[in-house]
Amino acid sequence: MALIETEEAARRLARAIASDLSLYNEEKIVEGITRDSLFAKLAEEIEEGRALFRSRVAPELYAKNFYDRAIIDILVRSKGHIKSVMW
């Protein structure tokens, strides 16, 4: 499989991976946000997603942090309604 070489495709992949993390780990996400331990709680899953993203995109696109931005947008920003000491 060829590496993704466009920014738009890299963003879509990053968001798809983050969306899957959100879909399959809802309980962990809610608990992690509530207890301010989200990144510790999902460390393994986030790193697994990061490895997948890295393996699919050109190195110069990986360096642009699309994956990290997608994690924040989808796992944190979209859960702003959950009570937390973080906000």
PDB file of N, CA and C in Angstrom:
ATOM      1  N   MET A   1       0.840  -1.174   0.000  1.00  0.00           N
ATOM      2  CA  MET A   1       0.000   0.000   0.000  1.00  0.00           C
ATOM      3  C   MET A   1       0.890   1.244   0.000  1.00  0.00           C
ATOM      4  N   ALA A   2       0.590   2.177  -0.858  1.00  0.00           N
ATOM      5  CA  ALA A   2       1.366   3.406  -0.981  1.00  0.00           C
ATOM      6  C   ALA A   2       1.110   4.321   0.221  1.00  0.00           C
ATOM      7  N   LEU A   3       2.114   5.102   0.562  1.00  0.00           N
ATOM      8  CA  LEU A   3       1.971   6.058   1.655  1.00  0.00           C
ATOM      9  C   LEU A   3       1.068   7.212   1.233  1.00  0.00           C
ATOM     10  N   ILE A   4       0.325   7.712   2.179  1.00  0.00           N
ATOM     11  CA  ILE A   4      -0.497   8.895   1.958  1.00  0.00           C
ATOM     12  C   ILE A   4       0.434  10.088   1.835  1.00  0.00           C
ATOM     13  N   GLU A   5       0.207  10.898   0.792  1.00  0.00           N
ATOM     14  CA  GLU A   5       1.116  12.009   0.548  1.00  0.00           C
ATOM     15  C   GLU A   5       0.429  13.367   0.453  1.00  0.00           C
ATOM     16  N   THR A   6      -0.860  13.428   0.761  1.00  0.00           N
ATOM     17  CA  THR A   6      -1.531  14.727   0.762  1.00  0.00           C
ATOM     18  C   THR A   6      -1.989  15.056   2.185  1.00  0.00           C
ATOM     19  N   GLU A   7      -1.973  16.348   2.491  1.00  0.00           N
ATOM     20  CA  GLU A   7      -2.372  16.778   3.834  1.00  0.00           C
ATOM     21  C   GLU A   7      -3.823  16.415   4.129  1.00  0.00           C
ATOM     22  N   GLU A   8      -4.685  16.590   3.158  1.00  0.00           N
ATOM     23  CA  GLU A   8      -6.110  16.296   3.364  1.00  0.00           C
ATOM     24  C   GLU A   8      -6.327  14.813   3.689  1.00  0.00           C
ATOM     25  N   ALA A   9      -5.667  13.949   2.959  1.00  0.00           N
ATOM     26  CA  ALA A   9      -5.808  12.511   3.222  1.00  0.00           C
ATOM     27  C   ALA A   9      -5.212  12.146   4.582  1.00  0.00           C
ATOM     28  N   ALA A  10      -4.120  12.777   4.946  1.00  0.00           N
ATOM     29  CA  ALA A  10      -3.501  12.516   6.254  1.00  0.00           C
ATOM     30  C   ALA A  10      -4.430  12.970   7.377  1.00  0.00           C
ATOM     31  N   ARG A  11      -5.056  14.131   7.209  1.00  0.00           N
ATOM     32  CA  ARG A  11      -6.019  14.613   8.213  1.00  0.00           C
ATOM     33  C   ARG A  11      -7.201  13.648   8.342  1.00  0.00           C
ATOM     34  N   ARG A  12      -7.708  13.193   7.207  1.00  0.00           N
ATOM     35  CA  ARG A  12      -8.843  12.256   7.237  1.00  0.00           C
ATOM     36  C   ARG A  12      -8.469  10.971   7.964  1.00  0.00           C
ATOM     37  N   LEU A  13      -7.280  10.449   7.678  1.00  0.00           N
ATOM     38  CA  LEU A  13      -6.837   9.223   8.349  1.00  0.00           C
ATOM     39  C   LEU A  13      -6.703   9.455   9.848  1.00  0.00           C
ATOM     40  N   ALA A  14      -6.082  10.560  10.233  1.00  0.00           N
ATOM     41  CA  ALA A  14      -5.904  10.867  11.657  1.00  0.00           C
ATOM     42  C   ALA A  14      -7.256  10.943  12.359  1.00  0.00           C
ATOM     43  N   ARG A  15      -8.210  11.613  11.739  1.00  0.00           N
ATOM     44  CA  ARG A  15      -9.541  11.744  12.339  1.00  0.00           C
ATOM     45  C   ARG A  15     -10.272  10.402  12.388  1.00  0.00           C
ATOM     46  N   ALA A  16     -10.079   9.571  11.393  1.00  0.00           N
ATOM     47  CA  ALA A  16     -10.712   8.248  11.389  1.00  0.00           C
ATOM     48  C   ALA A  16     -10.163   7.388  12.527  1.00  0.00           C
ATOM     49  N   ILE A  17      -8.864   7.432  12.718  1.00  0.00           N
ATOM     50  CA  ILE A  17      -8.256   6.654  13.804  1.00  0.00           C
ATOM     51  C   ILE A  17      -8.747   7.177  15.150  1.00  0.00           C
ATOM     52  N   ALA A  18      -8.747   8.491  15.331  1.00  0.00           N
ATOM     53  CA  ALA A  18      -9.219   9.082  16.585  1.00  0.00           C
ATOM     54  C   ALA A  18     -10.699   8.768  16.814  1.00  0.00           C
ATOM     55  N   SER A  19     -11.488   8.787  15.758  1.00  0.00           N
ATOM     56  CA  SER A  19     -12.914   8.454  15.878  1.00  0.00           C
ATOM     57  C   SER A  19     -13.106   7.010  16.314  1.00  0.00           C
ATOM     58  N   ASP A  20     -12.297   6.111  15.778  1.00  0.00           N
ATOM     59  CA  ASP A  20     -12.364   4.711  16.207  1.00  0.00           C
ATOM     60  C   ASP A  20     -11.996   4.580  17.684  1.00  0.00           C
ATOM     61  N   LEU A  21     -10.973   5.297  18.101  1.00  0.00           N
ATOM     62  CA  LEU A  21     -10.599   5.274  19.522  1.00  0.00           C
ATOM     63  C   LEU A  21     -11.774   5.746  20.374  1.00  0.00           C
ATOM     64  N   SER A  22     -12.428   6.806  19.948  1.00  0.00           N
ATOM     65  CA  SER A  22     -13.565   7.337  20.691  1.00  0.00           C
ATOM     66  C   SER A  22     -14.717   6.341  20.727  1.00  0.00           C
ATOM     67  N   LEU A  23     -15.003   5.749  19.604  1.00  0.00           N
ATOM     68  CA  LEU A  23     -16.113   4.803  19.499  1.00  0.00           C
ATOM     69  C   LEU A  23     -15.911   3.572  20.386  1.00  0.00           C
ATOM     70  N   TYR A  24     -14.719   3.019  20.371  1.00  0.00           N
ATOM     71  CA  TYR A  24     -14.474   1.760  21.071  1.00  0.00           C
ATOM     72  C   TYR A  24     -13.996   1.922  22.506  1.00  0.00           C
ATOM     73  N   ASN A  25     -13.783   3.151  22.960  1.00  0.00           N
ATOM     74  CA  ASN A  25     -13.261   3.373  24.308  1.00  0.00           C
ATOM     75  C   ASN A  25     -14.043   4.440  25.068  1.00  0.00           C
ATOM     76  N   GLU A  26     -15.316   4.563  24.806  1.00  0.00           N
ATOM     77  CA  GLU A  26     -16.135   5.613  25.404  1.00  0.00           C
ATOM     78  C   GLU A  26     -16.053   5.613  26.932  1.00  0.00           C
ATOM     79  N   GLU A  27     -16.168   4.462  27.556  1.00  0.00           N
ATOM     80  CA  GLU A  27     -16.130   4.396  29.021  1.00  0.00           C
ATOM     81  C   GLU A  27     -14.795   4.887  29.568  1.00  0.00           C
ATOM     82  N   LYS A  28     -13.700   4.460  28.948  1.00  0.00           N
ATOM     83  CA  LYS A  28     -12.377   4.903  29.389  1.00  0.00           C
ATOM     84  C   LYS A  28     -12.212   6.407  29.209  1.00  0.00           C
ATOM     85  N   ILE A  29     -12.743   6.928  28.123  1.00  0.00           N
ATOM     86  CA  ILE A  29     -12.631   8.364  27.851  1.00  0.00           C
ATOM     87  C   ILE A  29     -13.388   9.161  28.903  1.00  0.00           C
ATOM     88  N   VAL A  30     -14.616   8.766  29.183  1.00  0.00           N
ATOM     89  CA  VAL A  30     -15.419   9.472  30.186  1.00  0.00           C
ATOM     90  C   VAL A  30     -14.717   9.409  31.541  1.00  0.00           C
ATOM     91  N   GLU A  31     -14.245   8.245  31.913  1.00  0.00           N
ATOM     92  CA  GLU A  31     -13.546   8.107  33.193  1.00  0.00           C
ATOM     93  C   GLU A  31     -12.261   8.934  33.210  1.00  0.00           C
ATOM     94  N   GLY A  32     -11.521   8.893  32.120  1.00  0.00           N
ATOM     95  CA  GLY A  32     -10.271   9.642  32.049  1.00  0.00           C
ATOM     96  C   GLY A  32     -10.481  11.140  32.123  1.00  0.00           C
ATOM     97  N   ILE A  33     -11.520  11.649  31.468  1.00  0.00           N
ATOM     98  CA  ILE A  33     -11.817  13.082  31.538  1.00  0.00           C
ATOM     99  C   ILE A  33     -12.305  13.450  32.932  1.00  0.00           C
ATOM    100  N   THR A  34     -13.187  12.644  33.474  1.00  0.00           N
ATOM    101  CA  THR A  34     -13.725  12.914  34.808  1.00  0.00           C
ATOM    102  C   THR A  34     -12.614  12.960  35.852  1.00  0.00           C
ATOM    103  N   ARG A  35     -11.655  12.073  35.747  1.00  0.00           N
ATOM    104  CA  ARG A  35     -10.586  11.974  36.747  1.00  0.00           C
ATOM    105  C   ARG A  35      -9.289  12.664  36.329  1.00  0.00           C
ATOM    106  N   ASP A  36      -9.337  13.391  35.214  1.00  0.00           N
ATOM    107  CA  ASP A  36      -8.158  14.094  34.701  1.00  0.00           C
ATOM    108  C   ASP A  36      -6.982  13.130  34.473  1.00  0.00           C
ATOM    109  N   SER A  37      -7.297  11.986  33.888  1.00  0.00           N
ATOM    110  CA  SER A  37      -6.262  10.993  33.598  1.00  0.00           C
ATOM    111  C   SER A  37      -6.442  10.404  32.195  1.00  0.00           C
ATOM    112  N   LEU A  38      -7.020  11.189  31.316  1.00  0.00           N
ATOM    113  CA  LEU A  38      -7.370  10.686  29.989  1.00  0.00           C
ATOM    114  C   LEU A  38      -6.180  10.079  29.253  1.00  0.00           C
ATOM    115  N   PHE A  39      -5.076  10.814  29.201  1.00  0.00           N
ATOM    116  CA  PHE A  39      -3.946  10.340  28.400  1.00  0.00           C
ATOM    117  C   PHE A  39      -3.243   9.147  29.044  1.00  0.00           C
ATOM    118  N   ALA A  40      -3.259   9.057  30.347  1.00  0.00           N
ATOM    119  CA  ALA A  40      -2.707   7.874  31.017  1.00  0.00           C
ATOM    120  C   ALA A  40      -3.630   6.677  30.795  1.00  0.00           C
ATOM    121  N   LYS A  41      -4.921   6.932  30.891  1.00  0.00           N
ATOM    122  CA  LYS A  41      -5.913   5.860  30.747  1.00  0.00           C
ATOM    123  C   LYS A  41      -5.895   5.256  29.343  1.00  0.00           C
ATOM    124  N   LEU A  42      -5.662   6.089  28.328  1.00  0.00           N
ATOM    125  CA  LEU A  42      -5.694   5.620  26.938  1.00  0.00           C
ATOM    126  C   LEU A  42      -4.316   5.568  26.284  1.00  0.00           C
ATOM    127  N   ALA A  43      -3.275   5.576  27.071  1.00  0.00           N
ATOM    128  CA  ALA A  43      -1.912   5.635  26.521  1.00  0.00           C
ATOM    129  C   ALA A  43      -1.648   4.530  25.503  1.00  0.00           C
ATOM    130  N   GLU A  44      -2.002   3.327  25.823  1.00  0.00           N
ATOM    131  CA  GLU A  44      -1.738   2.195  24.927  1.00  0.00           C
ATOM    132  C   GLU A  44      -2.512   2.340  23.614  1.00  0.00           C
ATOM    133  N   GLU A  45      -3.780   2.681  23.704  1.00  0.00           N
ATOM    134  CA  GLU A  45      -4.612   2.821  22.517  1.00  0.00           C
ATOM    135  C   GLU A  45      -4.156   3.991  21.648  1.00  0.00           C
ATOM    136  N   ILE A  46      -3.803   5.096  22.292  1.00  0.00           N
ATOM    137  CA  ILE A  46      -3.340   6.270  21.544  1.00  0.00           C
ATOM    138  C   ILE A  46      -2.043   5.958  20.817  1.00  0.00           C
ATOM    139  N   GLU A  47      -1.126   5.273  21.479  1.00  0.00           N
ATOM    140  CA  GLU A  47       0.152   4.929  20.845  1.00  0.00           C
ATOM    141  C   GLU A  47      -0.023   3.916  19.720  1.00  0.00           C
ATOM    142  N   GLU A  48      -0.949   2.998  19.883  1.00  0.00           N
ATOM    143  CA  GLU A  48      -1.246   2.045  18.812  1.00  0.00           C
ATOM    144  C   GLU A  48      -1.779   2.785  17.579  1.00  0.00           C
ATOM    145  N   GLY A  49      -2.672   3.737  17.806  1.00  0.00           N
ATOM    146  CA  GLY A  49      -3.192   4.552  16.711  1.00  0.00           C
ATOM    147  C   GLY A  49      -2.098   5.387  16.067  1.00  0.00           C
ATOM    148  N   ARG A  50      -1.206   5.928  16.888  1.00  0.00           N
ATOM    149  CA  ARG A  50      -0.099   6.730  16.367  1.00  0.00           C
ATOM    150  C   ARG A  50       0.801   5.876  15.468  1.00  0.00           C
ATOM    151  N   ALA A  51       1.070   4.645  15.876  1.00  0.00           N
ATOM    152  CA  ALA A  51       1.907   3.748  15.076  1.00  0.00           C
ATOM    153  C   ALA A  51       1.232   3.448  13.736  1.00  0.00           C
ATOM    154  N   LEU A  52      -0.067   3.226  13.763  1.00  0.00           N
ATOM    155  CA  LEU A  52      -0.807   2.985  12.522  1.00  0.00           C
ATOM    156  C   LEU A  52      -0.721   4.209  11.618  1.00  0.00           C
ATOM    157  N   PHE A  53      -0.969   5.393  12.178  1.00  0.00           N
ATOM    158  CA  PHE A  53      -0.908   6.624  11.391  1.00  0.00           C
ATOM    159  C   PHE A  53       0.482   6.801  10.787  1.00  0.00           C
ATOM    160  N   ARG A  54       1.498   6.623  11.595  1.00  0.00           N
ATOM    161  CA  ARG A  54       2.877   6.792  11.120  1.00  0.00           C
ATOM    162  C   ARG A  54       3.200   5.838   9.978  1.00  0.00           C
ATOM    163  N   SER A  55       2.677   4.616  10.047  1.00  0.00           N
ATOM    164  CA  SER A  55       2.967   3.609   9.024  1.00  0.00           C
ATOM    165  C   SER A  55       2.262   3.894   7.698  1.00  0.00           C
ATOM    166  N   ARG A  56       1.252   4.763   7.718  1.00  0.00           N
ATOM    167  CA  ARG A  56       0.434   4.998   6.533  1.00  0.00           C
ATOM    168  C   ARG A  56       0.697   6.318   5.827  1.00  0.00           C
ATOM    169  N   VAL A  57       1.422   7.246   6.499  1.00  0.00           N
ATOM    170  CA  VAL A  57       1.632   8.566   5.890  1.00  0.00           C
ATOM    171  C   VAL A  57       3.118   8.821   5.629  1.00  0.00           C
ATOM    172  N   ALA A  58       3.386   9.701   4.671  1.00  0.00           N
ATOM    173  CA  ALA A  58       4.752  10.105   4.366  1.00  0.00           C
ATOM    174  C   ALA A  58       5.356  10.793   5.597  1.00  0.00           C
ATOM    175  N   PRO A  59       6.649  10.604   5.839  1.00  0.00           N
ATOM    176  CA  PRO A  59       7.291  11.170   7.032  1.00  0.00           C
ATOM    177  C   PRO A  59       7.072  12.671   7.216  1.00  0.00           C
ATOM    178  N   GLU A  60       7.099  13.436   6.133  1.00  0.00           N
ATOM    179  CA  GLU A  60       6.904  14.882   6.276  1.00  0.00           C
ATOM    180  C   GLU A  60       5.490  15.229   6.744  1.00  0.00           C
ATOM    181  N   LEU A  61       4.520  14.387   6.436  1.00  0.00           N
ATOM    182  CA  LEU A  61       3.161  14.612   6.928  1.00  0.00           C
ATOM    183  C   LEU A  61       3.021  14.165   8.374  1.00  0.00           C
ATOM    184  N   TYR A  62       3.694  13.095   8.740  1.00  0.00           N
ATOM    185  CA  TYR A  62       3.662  12.654  10.137  1.00  0.00           C
ATOM    186  C   TYR A  62       4.176  13.769  11.045  1.00  0.00           C
ATOM    187  N   ALA A  63       5.184  14.472  10.606  1.00  0.00           N
ATOM    188  CA  ALA A  63       5.806  15.535  11.406  1.00  0.00           C
ATOM    189  C   ALA A  63       4.883  16.731  11.619  1.00  0.00           C
ATOM    190  N   LYS A  64       3.777  16.812  10.908  1.00  0.00           N
ATOM    191  CA  LYS A  64       2.862  17.959  11.031  1.00  0.00           C
ATOM    192  C   LYS A  64       1.830  17.790  12.144  1.00  0.00           C
ATOM    193  N   ASN A  65       1.909  16.732  12.898  1.00  0.00           N
ATOM    194  CA  ASN A  65       1.062  16.506  14.082  1.00  0.00           C
ATOM    195  C   ASN A  65      -0.437  16.413  13.804  1.00  0.00           C
ATOM    196  N   PHE A  66      -0.822  15.938  12.650  1.00  0.00           N
ATOM    197  CA  PHE A  66      -2.246  15.773  12.365  1.00  0.00           C
ATOM    198  C   PHE A  66      -2.899  14.790  13.341  1.00  0.00           C
ATOM    199  N   TYR A  67      -2.176  13.759  13.710  1.00  0.00           N
ATOM    200  CA  TYR A  67      -2.738  12.755  14.624  1.00  0.00           C
ATOM    201  C   TYR A  67      -3.006  13.368  15.994  1.00  0.00           C
ATOM    202  N   ASP A  68      -2.034  14.096  16.531  1.00  0.00           N
ATOM    203  CA  ASP A  68      -2.221  14.715  17.850  1.00  0.00           C
ATOM    204  C   ASP A  68      -3.389  15.697  17.843  1.00  0.00           C
ATOM    205  N   ARG A  69      -3.526  16.457  16.779  1.00  0.00           N
ATOM    206  CA  ARG A  69      -4.632  17.404  16.670  1.00  0.00           C
ATOM    207  C   ARG A  69      -5.974  16.670  16.633  1.00  0.00           C
ATOM    208  N   ALA A  70      -6.023  15.567  15.917  1.00  0.00           N
ATOM    209  CA  ALA A  70      -7.262  14.790  15.839  1.00  0.00           C
ATOM    210  C   ALA A  70      -7.612  14.210  17.210  1.00  0.00           C
ATOM    211  N   ILE A  71      -6.622  13.760  17.946  1.00  0.00           N
ATOM    212  CA  ILE A  71      -6.865  13.233  19.294  1.00  0.00           C
ATOM    213  C   ILE A  71      -7.492  14.316  20.165  1.00  0.00           C
ATOM    214  N   ILE A  72      -6.936  15.516  20.130  1.00  0.00           N
ATOM    215  CA  ILE A  72      -7.482  16.616  20.934  1.00  0.00           C
ATOM    216  C   ILE A  72      -8.901  16.962  20.476  1.00  0.00           C
ATOM    217  N   ASP A  73      -9.102  17.100  19.186  1.00  0.00           N
ATOM    218  CA  ASP A  73     -10.431  17.465  18.669  1.00  0.00           C
ATOM    219  C   ASP A  73     -11.489  16.431  19.017  1.00  0.00           C
ATOM    220  N   ILE A  74     -11.155  15.175  18.840  1.00  0.00           N
ATOM    221  CA  ILE A  74     -12.172  14.129  18.959  1.00  0.00           C
ATOM    222  C   ILE A  74     -12.284  13.560  20.372  1.00  0.00           C
ATOM    223  N   LEU A  75     -11.162  13.353  21.047  1.00  0.00           N
ATOM    224  CA  LEU A  75     -11.236  12.760  22.383  1.00  0.00           C
ATOM    225  C   LEU A  75     -11.413  13.788  23.486  1.00  0.00           C
ATOM    226  N   VAL A  76     -11.016  15.026  23.251  1.00  0.00           N
ATOM    227  CA  VAL A  76     -11.109  16.029  24.311  1.00  0.00           C
ATOM    228  C   VAL A  76     -12.184  17.072  23.998  1.00  0.00           C
ATOM    229  N   ARG A  77     -12.015  17.798  22.925  1.00  0.00           N
ATOM    230  CA  ARG A  77     -12.924  18.912  22.618  1.00  0.00           C
ATOM    231  C   ARG A  77     -14.373  18.443  22.490  1.00  0.00           C
ATOM    232  N   SER A  78     -14.591  17.308  21.852  1.00  0.00           N
ATOM    233  CA  SER A  78     -15.967  16.843  21.650  1.00  0.00           C
ATOM    234  C   SER A  78     -16.608  16.334  22.944  1.00  0.00           C
ATOM    235  N   LYS A  79     -15.815  16.172  23.981  1.00  0.00           N
ATOM    236  CA  LYS A  79     -16.339  15.684  25.264  1.00  0.00           C
ATOM    237  C   LYS A  79     -16.418  16.806  26.305  1.00  0.00           C
ATOM    238  N   GLY A  80     -16.467  18.039  25.856  1.00  0.00           N
ATOM    239  CA  GLY A  80     -16.495  19.182  26.757  1.00  0.00           C
ATOM    240  C   GLY A  80     -17.690  19.220  27.686  1.00  0.00           C
ATOM    241  N   HIS A  81     -18.713  18.463  27.390  1.00  0.00           N
ATOM    242  CA  HIS A  81     -19.913  18.426  28.228  1.00  0.00           C
ATOM    243  C   HIS A  81     -19.734  17.567  29.480  1.00  0.00           C
ATOM    244  N   ILE A  82     -18.663  16.791  29.544  1.00  0.00           N
ATOM    245  CA  ILE A  82     -18.422  15.902  30.679  1.00  0.00           C
ATOM    246  C   ILE A  82     -17.787  16.709  31.816  1.00  0.00           C
ATOM    247  N   LYS A  83     -18.326  16.578  33.020  1.00  0.00           N
ATOM    248  CA  LYS A  83     -17.768  17.285  34.164  1.00  0.00           C
ATOM    249  C   LYS A  83     -16.341  16.809  34.422  1.00  0.00           C
ATOM    250  N   SER A  84     -15.475  17.771  34.676  1.00  0.00           N
ATOM    251  CA  SER A  84     -14.084  17.435  34.894  1.00  0.00           C
ATOM    252  C   SER A  84     -13.369  18.542  35.647  1.00  0.00           C
ATOM    253  N   VAL A  85     -12.326  18.164  36.363  1.00  0.00           N
ATOM    254  CA  VAL A  85     -11.492  19.164  37.032  1.00  0.00           C
ATOM    255  C   VAL A  85     -10.608  19.870  36.003  1.00  0.00           C
ATOM    256  N   MET A  86     -10.521  19.323  34.787  1.00  0.00           N
ATOM    257  CA  MET A  86      -9.695  19.934  33.736  1.00  0.00           C
ATOM    258  C   MET A  86     -10.295  21.249  33.273  1.00  0.00           C
ATOM    259  N   TRP A  87     -11.613  21.397  33.371  1.00  0.00           N
ATOM    260  CA  TRP A  87     -12.264  22.641  32.952  1.00  0.00           C
ATOM    261  C   TRP A  87     -13.396  23.024  33.852  1.00  0.00           C
TER     262      TRP A  87
END
